[in-house]
Amino acid sequence: MKHLLHCVPGAIAQKGRTVFSHVRRLLRPGGVLFGSTILSQGIPVPAHTRALMAAYDRRGIFHNTGDSLDGLRGALEDSFESQELRLVGVVALFAGHVA
């Protein structure tokens, strides 16, 4: 699920839980969902990056004005037995594991 969630309307906690719950049903025991998304809250965001994301949000390309690492972490914890989460700049790399 590469660079998808920041394009889905809504708050990361809600859209993450919704998307993850649907995808989780398709995974077998031992399955892994992995992906990345661009965050905008609760992390350092350079001014030029913030300006570009704001332009994309205004045009309806991005929907990540409230997307935070904590919100993503909560959605993963609610949907998977174990999770991995790493921040690289403003991009969160994540994985959710099905037991």
PDB file of N, CA and C in Angstrom:
ATOM      1  N   MET A   1       0.858  -1.164   0.000  1.00  0.00           N
ATOM      2  CA  MET A   1       0.000   0.000   0.000  1.00  0.00           C
ATOM      3  C   MET A   1       0.911   1.236   0.000  1.00  0.00           C
ATOM      4  N   LYS A   2       1.552   1.447  -1.120  1.00  0.00           N
ATOM      5  CA  LYS A   2       2.545   2.521  -1.243  1.00  0.00           C
ATOM      6  C   LYS A   2       1.886   3.845  -1.615  1.00  0.00           C
ATOM      7  N   HIS A   3       2.114   4.848  -0.796  1.00  0.00           N
ATOM      8  CA  HIS A   3       1.675   6.229  -1.054  1.00  0.00           C
ATOM      9  C   HIS A   3       0.208   6.317  -1.455  1.00  0.00           C
ATOM     10  N   LEU A   4      -0.641   5.697  -0.650  1.00  0.00           N
ATOM     11  CA  LEU A   4      -2.072   5.693  -0.934  1.00  0.00           C
ATOM     12  C   LEU A   4      -2.865   6.459   0.124  1.00  0.00           C
ATOM     13  N   LEU A   5      -2.600   6.200   1.401  1.00  0.00           N
ATOM     14  CA  LEU A   5      -3.452   6.734   2.475  1.00  0.00           C
ATOM     15  C   LEU A   5      -3.522   8.255   2.489  1.00  0.00           C
ATOM     16  N   HIS A   6      -2.445   8.948   2.153  1.00  0.00           N
ATOM     17  CA  HIS A   6      -2.482  10.413   2.181  1.00  0.00           C
ATOM     18  C   HIS A   6      -3.351  10.991   1.059  1.00  0.00           C
ATOM     19  N   CYS A   7      -3.790  10.142   0.128  1.00  0.00           N
ATOM     20  CA  CYS A   7      -4.694  10.577  -0.945  1.00  0.00           C
ATOM     21  C   CYS A   7      -6.163  10.278  -0.634  1.00  0.00           C
ATOM     22  N   VAL A   8      -6.421   9.530   0.427  1.00  0.00           N
ATOM     23  CA  VAL A   8      -7.779   9.158   0.815  1.00  0.00           C
ATOM     24  C   VAL A   8      -8.340  10.226   1.759  1.00  0.00           C
ATOM     25  N   PRO A   9      -9.531  10.764   1.490  1.00  0.00           N
ATOM     26  CA  PRO A   9     -10.115  11.780   2.375  1.00  0.00           C
ATOM     27  C   PRO A   9     -10.334  11.252   3.790  1.00  0.00           C
ATOM     28  N   GLY A  10     -10.201  12.150   4.765  1.00  0.00           N
ATOM     29  CA  GLY A  10     -10.472  11.829   6.158  1.00  0.00           C
ATOM     30  C   GLY A  10      -9.225  11.836   7.015  1.00  0.00           C
ATOM     31  N   ALA A  11      -9.457  11.698   8.309  1.00  0.00           N
ATOM     32  CA  ALA A  11      -8.358  11.659   9.274  1.00  0.00           C
ATOM     33  C   ALA A  11      -7.674  10.301   9.206  1.00  0.00           C
ATOM     34  N   ILE A  12      -6.361  10.279   9.416  1.00  0.00           N
ATOM     35  CA  ILE A  12      -5.584   9.049   9.277  1.00  0.00           C
ATOM     36  C   ILE A  12      -6.092   7.944  10.197  1.00  0.00           C
ATOM     37  N   ALA A  13      -6.504   8.270  11.392  1.00  0.00           N
ATOM     38  CA  ALA A  13      -6.976   7.232  12.315  1.00  0.00           C
ATOM     39  C   ALA A  13      -8.195   6.522  11.733  1.00  0.00           C
ATOM     40  N   GLN A  14      -9.143   7.277  11.205  1.00  0.00           N
ATOM     41  CA  GLN A  14     -10.364   6.683  10.659  1.00  0.00           C
ATOM     42  C   GLN A  14     -10.121   5.994   9.328  1.00  0.00           C
ATOM     43  N   LYS A  15      -9.478   6.691   8.400  1.00  0.00           N
ATOM     44  CA  LYS A  15      -9.267   6.074   7.086  1.00  0.00           C
ATOM     45  C   LYS A  15      -8.320   4.885   7.192  1.00  0.00           C
ATOM     46  N   GLY A  16      -7.335   4.959   8.092  1.00  0.00           N
ATOM     47  CA  GLY A  16      -6.439   3.830   8.301  1.00  0.00           C
ATOM     48  C   GLY A  16      -7.183   2.615   8.825  1.00  0.00           C
ATOM     49  N   ARG A  17      -8.007   2.819   9.846  1.00  0.00           N
ATOM     50  CA  ARG A  17      -8.777   1.697  10.399  1.00  0.00           C
ATOM     51  C   ARG A  17      -9.696   1.082   9.344  1.00  0.00           C
ATOM     52  N   THR A  18     -10.346   1.919   8.568  1.00  0.00           N
ATOM     53  CA  THR A  18     -11.269   1.421   7.541  1.00  0.00           C
ATOM     54  C   THR A  18     -10.523   0.621   6.470  1.00  0.00           C
ATOM     55  N   VAL A  19      -9.481   1.206   5.922  1.00  0.00           N
ATOM     56  CA  VAL A  19      -8.716   0.529   4.872  1.00  0.00           C
ATOM     57  C   VAL A  19      -8.058  -0.732   5.414  1.00  0.00           C
ATOM     58  N   PHE A  20      -7.409  -0.622   6.577  1.00  0.00           N
ATOM     59  CA  PHE A  20      -6.704  -1.778   7.141  1.00  0.00           C
ATOM     60  C   PHE A  20      -7.662  -2.913   7.461  1.00  0.00           C
ATOM     61  N   SER A  21      -8.843  -2.612   7.976  1.00  0.00           N
ATOM     62  CA  SER A  21      -9.785  -3.681   8.316  1.00  0.00           C
ATOM     63  C   SER A  21     -10.256  -4.426   7.066  1.00  0.00           C
ATOM     64  N   HIS A  22     -10.459  -3.705   5.968  1.00  0.00           N
ATOM     65  CA  HIS A  22     -10.867  -4.359   4.720  1.00  0.00           C
ATOM     66  C   HIS A  22      -9.741  -5.222   4.155  1.00  0.00           C
ATOM     67  N   VAL A  23      -8.536  -4.692   4.135  1.00  0.00           N
ATOM     68  CA  VAL A  23      -7.402  -5.440   3.576  1.00  0.00           C
ATOM     69  C   VAL A  23      -7.044  -6.622   4.466  1.00  0.00           C
ATOM     70  N   ARG A  24      -7.151  -6.446   5.785  1.00  0.00           N
ATOM     71  CA  ARG A  24      -6.793  -7.511   6.726  1.00  0.00           C
ATOM     72  C   ARG A  24      -7.599  -8.779   6.467  1.00  0.00           C
ATOM     73  N   ARG A  25      -8.859  -8.628   6.083  1.00  0.00           N
ATOM     74  CA  ARG A  25      -9.717  -9.785   5.798  1.00  0.00           C
ATOM     75  C   ARG A  25      -9.192 -10.628   4.644  1.00  0.00           C
ATOM     76  N   LEU A  26      -8.404 -10.037   3.791  1.00  0.00           N
ATOM     77  CA  LEU A  26      -7.862 -10.734   2.626  1.00  0.00           C
ATOM     78  C   LEU A  26      -6.542 -11.448   2.915  1.00  0.00           C
ATOM     79  N   LEU A  27      -5.969 -11.176   4.080  1.00  0.00           N
ATOM     80  CA  LEU A  27      -4.678 -11.762   4.422  1.00  0.00           C
ATOM     81  C   LEU A  27      -4.839 -13.062   5.181  1.00  0.00           C
ATOM     82  N   ARG A  28      -4.020 -14.017   4.863  1.00  0.00           N
ATOM     83  CA  ARG A  28      -3.996 -15.286   5.581  1.00  0.00           C
ATOM     84  C   ARG A  28      -3.146 -15.145   6.827  1.00  0.00           C
ATOM     85  N   PRO A  29      -3.247 -16.085   7.769  1.00  0.00           N
ATOM     86  CA  PRO A  29      -2.345 -16.058   8.924  1.00  0.00           C
ATOM     87  C   PRO A  29      -0.893 -16.008   8.441  1.00  0.00           C
ATOM     88  N   GLY A  30      -0.136 -15.138   9.042  1.00  0.00           N
ATOM     89  CA  GLY A  30       1.249 -14.928   8.642  1.00  0.00           C
ATOM     90  C   GLY A  30       1.396 -13.860   7.570  1.00  0.00           C
ATOM     91  N   GLY A  31       0.265 -13.340   7.070  1.00  0.00           N
ATOM     92  CA  GLY A  31       0.301 -12.319   6.032  1.00  0.00           C
ATOM     93  C   GLY A  31       0.754 -10.974   6.562  1.00  0.00           C
ATOM     94  N   VAL A  32       1.248 -10.164   5.664  1.00  0.00           N
ATOM     95  CA  VAL A  32       1.757  -8.843   6.028  1.00  0.00           C
ATOM     96  C   VAL A  32       1.231  -7.810   5.039  1.00  0.00           C
ATOM     97  N   LEU A  33       0.676  -6.734   5.571  1.00  0.00           N
ATOM     98  CA  LEU A  33       0.348  -5.566   4.771  1.00  0.00           C
ATOM     99  C   LEU A  33       1.475  -4.575   4.991  1.00  0.00           C
ATOM    100  N   PHE A  34       2.032  -4.025   3.928  1.00  0.00           N
ATOM    101  CA  PHE A  34       3.074  -3.017   4.096  1.00  0.00           C
ATOM    102  C   PHE A  34       2.825  -1.864   3.152  1.00  0.00           C
ATOM    103  N   GLY A  35       3.363  -0.713   3.506  1.00  0.00           N
ATOM    104  CA  GLY A  35       3.167   0.446   2.667  1.00  0.00           C
ATOM    105  C   GLY A  35       3.856   1.674   3.218  1.00  0.00           C
ATOM    106  N   SER A  36       3.467   2.812   2.653  1.00  0.00           N
ATOM    107  CA  SER A  36       4.019   4.095   3.065  1.00  0.00           C
ATOM    108  C   SER A  36       2.962   5.167   2.854  1.00  0.00           C
ATOM    109  N   THR A  37       3.111   6.249   3.597  1.00  0.00           N
ATOM    110  CA  THR A  37       2.205   7.383   3.443  1.00  0.00           C
ATOM    111  C   THR A  37       2.932   8.649   3.874  1.00  0.00           C
ATOM    112  N   ILE A  38       2.454   9.772   3.400  1.00  0.00           N
ATOM    113  CA  ILE A  38       3.060  11.056   3.727  1.00  0.00           C
ATOM    114  C   ILE A  38       2.270  11.688   4.868  1.00  0.00           C
ATOM    115  N   LEU A  39       2.981  12.040   5.941  1.00  0.00           N
ATOM    116  CA  LEU A  39       2.360  12.636   7.123  1.00  0.00           C
ATOM    117  C   LEU A  39       2.599  14.144   7.148  1.00  0.00           C
ATOM    118  N   SER A  40       1.775  14.852   7.926  1.00  0.00           N
ATOM    119  CA  SER A  40       1.928  16.307   7.989  1.00  0.00           C
ATOM    120  C   SER A  40       1.845  16.871   9.403  1.00  0.00           C
ATOM    121  N   GLN A  41       1.515  16.064  10.384  1.00  0.00           N
ATOM    122  CA  GLN A  41       1.332  16.574  11.753  1.00  0.00           C
ATOM    123  C   GLN A  41       2.192  15.811  12.747  1.00  0.00           C
ATOM    124  N   GLY A  42       2.689  16.529  13.770  1.00  0.00           N
ATOM    125  CA  GLY A  42       3.426  15.901  14.855  1.00  0.00           C
ATOM    126  C   GLY A  42       4.839  15.478  14.475  1.00  0.00           C
ATOM    127  N   ILE A  43       5.309  15.903  13.316  1.00  0.00           N
ATOM    128  CA  ILE A  43       6.659  15.598  12.855  1.00  0.00           C
ATOM    129  C   ILE A  43       7.239  16.871  12.244  1.00  0.00           C
ATOM    130  N   PRO A  44       8.560  16.963  12.165  1.00  0.00           N
ATOM    131  CA  PRO A  44       9.147  18.133  11.496  1.00  0.00           C
ATOM    132  C   PRO A  44       8.846  18.089   9.990  1.00  0.00           C
ATOM    133  N   VAL A  45       8.248  19.159   9.478  1.00  0.00           N
ATOM    134  CA  VAL A  45       7.950  19.264   8.045  1.00  0.00           C
ATOM    135  C   VAL A  45       8.611  20.542   7.535  1.00  0.00           C
ATOM    136  N   PRO A  46       9.583  20.420   6.643  1.00  0.00           N
ATOM    137  CA  PRO A  46      10.226  21.614   6.089  1.00  0.00           C
ATOM    138  C   PRO A  46       9.204  22.537   5.424  1.00  0.00           C
ATOM    139  N   ALA A  47       9.481  23.826   5.439  1.00  0.00           N
ATOM    140  CA  ALA A  47       8.552  24.821   4.904  1.00  0.00           C
ATOM    141  C   ALA A  47       8.211  24.552   3.435  1.00  0.00           C
ATOM    142  N   HIS A  48       9.187  24.213   2.622  1.00  0.00           N
ATOM    143  CA  HIS A  48       8.905  23.972   1.204  1.00  0.00           C
ATOM    144  C   HIS A  48       8.034  22.726   1.008  1.00  0.00           C
ATOM    145  N   THR A  49       8.212  21.733   1.864  1.00  0.00           N
ATOM    146  CA  THR A  49       7.384  20.521   1.800  1.00  0.00           C
ATOM    147  C   THR A  49       5.962  20.838   2.236  1.00  0.00           C
ATOM    148  N   ARG A  50       5.837  21.613   3.311  1.00  0.00           N
ATOM    149  CA  ARG A  50       4.509  22.003   3.802  1.00  0.00           C
ATOM    150  C   ARG A  50       3.755  22.789   2.719  1.00  0.00           C
ATOM    151  N   ALA A  51       4.438  23.685   2.023  1.00  0.00           N
ATOM    152  CA  ALA A  51       3.798  24.483   0.966  1.00  0.00           C
ATOM    153  C   ALA A  51       3.329  23.586  -0.178  1.00  0.00           C
ATOM    154  N   LEU A  52       4.150  22.630  -0.578  1.00  0.00           N
ATOM    155  CA  LEU A  52       3.772  21.714  -1.655  1.00  0.00           C
ATOM    156  C   LEU A  52       2.584  20.844  -1.244  1.00  0.00           C
ATOM    157  N   MET A  53       2.618  20.308  -0.012  1.00  0.00           N
ATOM    158  CA  MET A  53       1.492  19.487   0.463  1.00  0.00           C
ATOM    159  C   MET A  53       0.214  20.306   0.539  1.00  0.00           C
ATOM    160  N   ALA A  54       0.312  21.573   0.977  1.00  0.00           N
ATOM    161  CA  ALA A  54      -0.872  22.432   1.050  1.00  0.00           C
ATOM    162  C   ALA A  54      -1.466  22.657  -0.341  1.00  0.00           C
ATOM    163  N   ALA A  55      -0.612  22.842  -1.333  1.00  0.00           N
ATOM    164  CA  ALA A  55      -1.100  23.019  -2.701  1.00  0.00           C
ATOM    165  C   ALA A  55      -1.809  21.753  -3.184  1.00  0.00           C
ATOM    166  N   TYR A  56      -1.243  20.596  -2.883  1.00  0.00           N
ATOM    167  CA  TYR A  56      -1.870  19.330  -3.276  1.00  0.00           C
ATOM    168  C   TYR A  56      -3.183  19.107  -2.527  1.00  0.00           C
ATOM    169  N   ASP A  57      -3.224  19.505  -1.264  1.00  0.00           N
ATOM    170  CA  ASP A  57      -4.464  19.388  -0.495  1.00  0.00           C
ATOM    171  C   ASP A  57      -5.555  20.286  -1.092  1.00  0.00           C
ATOM    172  N   ARG A  58      -5.199  21.514  -1.443  1.00  0.00           N
ATOM    173  CA  ARG A  58      -6.180  22.442  -2.034  1.00  0.00           C
ATOM    174  C   ARG A  58      -6.750  21.898  -3.345  1.00  0.00           C
ATOM    175  N   ARG A  59      -5.940  21.211  -4.112  1.00  0.00           N
ATOM    176  CA  ARG A  59      -6.378  20.675  -5.406  1.00  0.00           C
ATOM    177  C   ARG A  59      -7.095  19.335  -5.261  1.00  0.00           C
ATOM    178  N   GLY A  60      -7.138  18.774  -4.049  1.00  0.00           N
ATOM    179  CA  GLY A  60      -7.816  17.506  -3.828  1.00  0.00           C
ATOM    180  C   GLY A  60      -6.977  16.288  -4.180  1.00  0.00           C
ATOM    181  N   ILE A  61      -5.680  16.497  -4.388  1.00  0.00           N
ATOM    182  CA  ILE A  61      -4.776  15.385  -4.685  1.00  0.00           C
ATOM    183  C   ILE A  61      -4.400  14.679  -3.384  1.00  0.00           C
ATOM    184  N   PHE A  62      -4.034  15.463  -2.382  1.00  0.00           N
ATOM    185  CA  PHE A  62      -3.719  14.946  -1.044  1.00  0.00           C
ATOM    186  C   PHE A  62      -4.887  15.244  -0.118  1.00  0.00           C
ATOM    187  N   HIS A  63      -4.994  14.443   0.925  1.00  0.00           N
ATOM    188  CA  HIS A  63      -5.940  14.672   2.025  1.00  0.00           C
ATOM    189  C   HIS A  63      -5.218  14.307   3.314  1.00  0.00           C
ATOM    190  N   ASN A  64      -4.114  14.999   3.598  1.00  0.00           N
ATOM    191  CA  ASN A  64      -3.292  14.609   4.741  1.00  0.00           C
ATOM    192  C   ASN A  64      -3.017  15.742   5.720  1.00  0.00           C
ATOM    193  N   THR A  65      -3.845  16.777   5.712  1.00  0.00           N
ATOM    194  CA  THR A  65      -3.560  17.921   6.579  1.00  0.00           C
ATOM    195  C   THR A  65      -3.536  17.551   8.058  1.00  0.00           C
ATOM    196  N   GLY A  66      -4.230  16.508   8.465  1.00  0.00           N
ATOM    197  CA  GLY A  66      -4.242  16.097   9.867  1.00  0.00           C
ATOM    198  C   GLY A  66      -3.590  14.747  10.101  1.00  0.00           C
ATOM    199  N   ASP A  67      -2.914  14.203   9.106  1.00  0.00           N
ATOM    200  CA  ASP A  67      -2.332  12.861   9.240  1.00  0.00           C
ATOM    201  C   ASP A  67      -1.077  12.900  10.108  1.00  0.00           C
ATOM    202  N   SER A  68      -1.093  12.103  11.167  1.00  0.00           N
ATOM    203  CA  SER A  68       0.012  12.092  12.127  1.00  0.00           C
ATOM    204  C   SER A  68       0.550  10.678  12.332  1.00  0.00           C
ATOM    205  N   LEU A  69       1.746  10.613  12.854  1.00  0.00           N
ATOM    206  CA  LEU A  69       2.365   9.328  13.163  1.00  0.00           C
ATOM    207  C   LEU A  69       1.558   8.588  14.227  1.00  0.00           C
ATOM    208  N   ASP A  70       1.099   9.310  15.249  1.00  0.00           N
ATOM    209  CA  ASP A  70       0.301   8.678  16.307  1.00  0.00           C
ATOM    210  C   ASP A  70      -1.019   8.127  15.762  1.00  0.00           C
ATOM    211  N   GLY A  71      -1.666   8.859  14.860  1.00  0.00           N
ATOM    212  CA  GLY A  71      -2.913   8.375  14.267  1.00  0.00           C
ATOM    213  C   GLY A  71      -2.701   7.119  13.440  1.00  0.00           C
ATOM    214  N   LEU A  72      -1.614   7.090  12.680  1.00  0.00           N
ATOM    215  CA  LEU A  72      -1.290   5.911  11.888  1.00  0.00           C
ATOM    216  C   LEU A  72      -0.961   4.733  12.791  1.00  0.00           C
ATOM    217  N   ARG A  73      -0.187   4.994  13.837  1.00  0.00           N
ATOM    218  CA  ARG A  73       0.168   3.935  14.789  1.00  0.00           C
ATOM    219  C   ARG A  73      -1.093   3.336  15.419  1.00  0.00           C
ATOM    220  N   GLY A  74      -2.033   4.177  15.820  1.00  0.00           N
ATOM    221  CA  GLY A  74      -3.278   3.700  16.421  1.00  0.00           C
ATOM    222  C   GLY A  74      -4.087   2.844  15.465  1.00  0.00           C
ATOM    223  N   ALA A  75      -4.160   3.259  14.203  1.00  0.00           N
ATOM    224  CA  ALA A  75      -4.906   2.482  13.205  1.00  0.00           C
ATOM    225  C   ALA A  75      -4.262   1.117  12.992  1.00  0.00           C
ATOM    226  N   LEU A  76      -2.932   1.076  12.953  1.00  0.00           N
ATOM    227  CA  LEU A  76      -2.229  -0.199  12.808  1.00  0.00           C
ATOM    228  C   LEU A  76      -2.453  -1.095  14.024  1.00  0.00           C
ATOM    229  N   GLU A  77      -2.352  -0.521  15.214  1.00  0.00           N
ATOM    230  CA  GLU A  77      -2.538  -1.303  16.450  1.00  0.00           C
ATOM    231  C   GLU A  77      -3.943  -1.855  16.554  1.00  0.00           C
ATOM    232  N   ASP A  78      -4.934  -1.106  16.074  1.00  0.00           N
ATOM    233  CA  ASP A  78      -6.319  -1.568  16.126  1.00  0.00           C
ATOM    234  C   ASP A  78      -6.603  -2.678  15.116  1.00  0.00           C
ATOM    235  N   SER A  79      -5.779  -2.787  14.089  1.00  0.00           N
ATOM    236  CA  SER A  79      -6.071  -3.696  12.984  1.00  0.00           C
ATOM    237  C   SER A  79      -5.183  -4.930  12.905  1.00  0.00           C
ATOM    238  N   PHE A  80      -4.006  -4.889  13.512  1.00  0.00           N
ATOM    239  CA  PHE A  80      -3.048  -5.981  13.362  1.00  0.00           C
ATOM    240  C   PHE A  80      -2.461  -6.399  14.710  1.00  0.00           C
ATOM    241  N   GLU A  81      -2.082  -7.672  14.784  1.00  0.00           N
ATOM    242  CA  GLU A  81      -1.521  -8.203  16.029  1.00  0.00           C
ATOM    243  C   GLU A  81      -0.143  -7.614  16.324  1.00  0.00           C
ATOM    244  N   SER A  82       0.643  -7.369  15.298  1.00  0.00           N
ATOM    245  CA  SER A  82       1.929  -6.692  15.488  1.00  0.00           C
ATOM    246  C   SER A  82       2.151  -5.731  14.322  1.00  0.00           C
ATOM    247  N   GLN A  83       2.942  -4.713  14.570  1.00  0.00           N
ATOM    248  CA  GLN A  83       3.139  -3.649  13.603  1.00  0.00           C
ATOM    249  C   GLN A  83       4.609  -3.226  13.579  1.00  0.00           C
ATOM    250  N   GLU A  84       4.981  -2.618  12.489  1.00  0.00           N
ATOM    251  CA  GLU A  84       6.269  -1.949  12.358  1.00  0.00           C
ATOM    252  C   GLU A  84       5.982  -0.573  11.788  1.00  0.00           C
ATOM    253  N   LEU A  85       6.700   0.420  12.275  1.00  0.00           N
ATOM    254  CA  LEU A  85       6.470   1.788  11.829  1.00  0.00           C
ATOM    255  C   LEU A  85       7.793   2.533  11.897  1.00  0.00           C
ATOM    256  N   ARG A  86       8.160   3.181  10.800  1.00  0.00           N
ATOM    257  CA  ARG A  86       9.418   3.918  10.735  1.00  0.00           C
ATOM    258  C   ARG A  86       9.172   5.209   9.971  1.00  0.00           C
ATOM    259  N   LEU A  87       9.747   6.283  10.461  1.00  0.00           N
ATOM    260  CA  LEU A  87       9.607   7.581   9.816  1.00  0.00           C
ATOM    261  C   LEU A  87      10.900   7.918   9.080  1.00  0.00           C
ATOM    262  N   VAL A  88      10.774   8.278   7.806  1.00  0.00           N
ATOM    263  CA  VAL A  88      11.895   8.741   6.995  1.00  0.00           C
ATOM    264  C   VAL A  88      11.483  10.093   6.420  1.00  0.00           C
ATOM    265  N   GLY A  89      11.976  11.162   7.011  1.00  0.00           N
ATOM    266  CA  GLY A  89      11.511  12.492   6.633  1.00  0.00           C
ATOM    267  C   GLY A  89      10.050  12.633   6.993  1.00  0.00           C
ATOM    268  N   VAL A  90       9.203  12.917   6.022  1.00  0.00           N
ATOM    269  CA  VAL A  90       7.755  13.038   6.270  1.00  0.00           C
ATOM    270  C   VAL A  90       7.004  11.780   5.838  1.00  0.00           C
ATOM    271  N   VAL A  91       7.734  10.765   5.431  1.00  0.00           N
ATOM    272  CA  VAL A  91       7.131   9.528   4.947  1.00  0.00           C
ATOM    273  C   VAL A  91       7.184   8.463   6.049  1.00  0.00           C
ATOM    274  N   ALA A  92       6.033   7.880   6.333  1.00  0.00           N
ATOM    275  CA  ALA A  92       5.957   6.772   7.282  1.00  0.00           C
ATOM    276  C   ALA A  92       5.951   5.463   6.502  1.00  0.00           C
ATOM    277  N   LEU A  93       6.869   4.585   6.849  1.00  0.00           N
ATOM    278  CA  LEU A  93       6.898   3.225   6.304  1.00  0.00           C
ATOM    279  C   LEU A  93       6.247   2.337   7.346  1.00  0.00           C
ATOM    280  N   PHE A  94       5.313   1.487   6.950  1.00  0.00           N
ATOM    281  CA  PHE A  94       4.587   0.694   7.938  1.00  0.00           C
ATOM    282  C   PHE A  94       4.359  -0.725   7.461  1.00  0.00           C
ATOM    283  N   ALA A  95       4.145  -1.586   8.438  1.00  0.00           N
ATOM    284  CA  ALA A  95       3.762  -2.978   8.157  1.00  0.00           C
ATOM    285  C   ALA A  95       2.848  -3.437   9.271  1.00  0.00           C
ATOM    286  N   GLY A  96       1.846  -4.213   8.913  1.00  0.00           N
ATOM    287  CA  GLY A  96       0.938  -4.850   9.867  1.00  0.00           C
ATOM    288  C   GLY A  96       0.952  -6.340   9.624  1.00  0.00           C
ATOM    289  N   HIS A  97       1.141  -7.104  10.713  1.00  0.00           N
ATOM    290  CA  HIS A  97       1.275  -8.569  10.612  1.00  0.00           C
ATOM    291  C   HIS A  97       0.038  -9.254  11.180  1.00  0.00           C
ATOM    292  N   VAL A  98      -0.452 -10.269  10.462  1.00  0.00           N
ATOM    293  CA  VAL A  98      -1.575 -11.089  10.899  1.00  0.00           C
ATOM    294  C   VAL A  98      -1.015 -12.342  11.546  1.00  0.00           C
ATOM    295  N   ALA A  99      -1.495 -12.656  12.742  1.00  0.00           N
ATOM    296  CA  ALA A  99      -1.019 -13.844  13.447  1.00  0.00           C
ATOM    297  C   ALA A  99      -1.574 -15.115  12.824  1.00  0.00           C
TER     298      ALA A  99
END
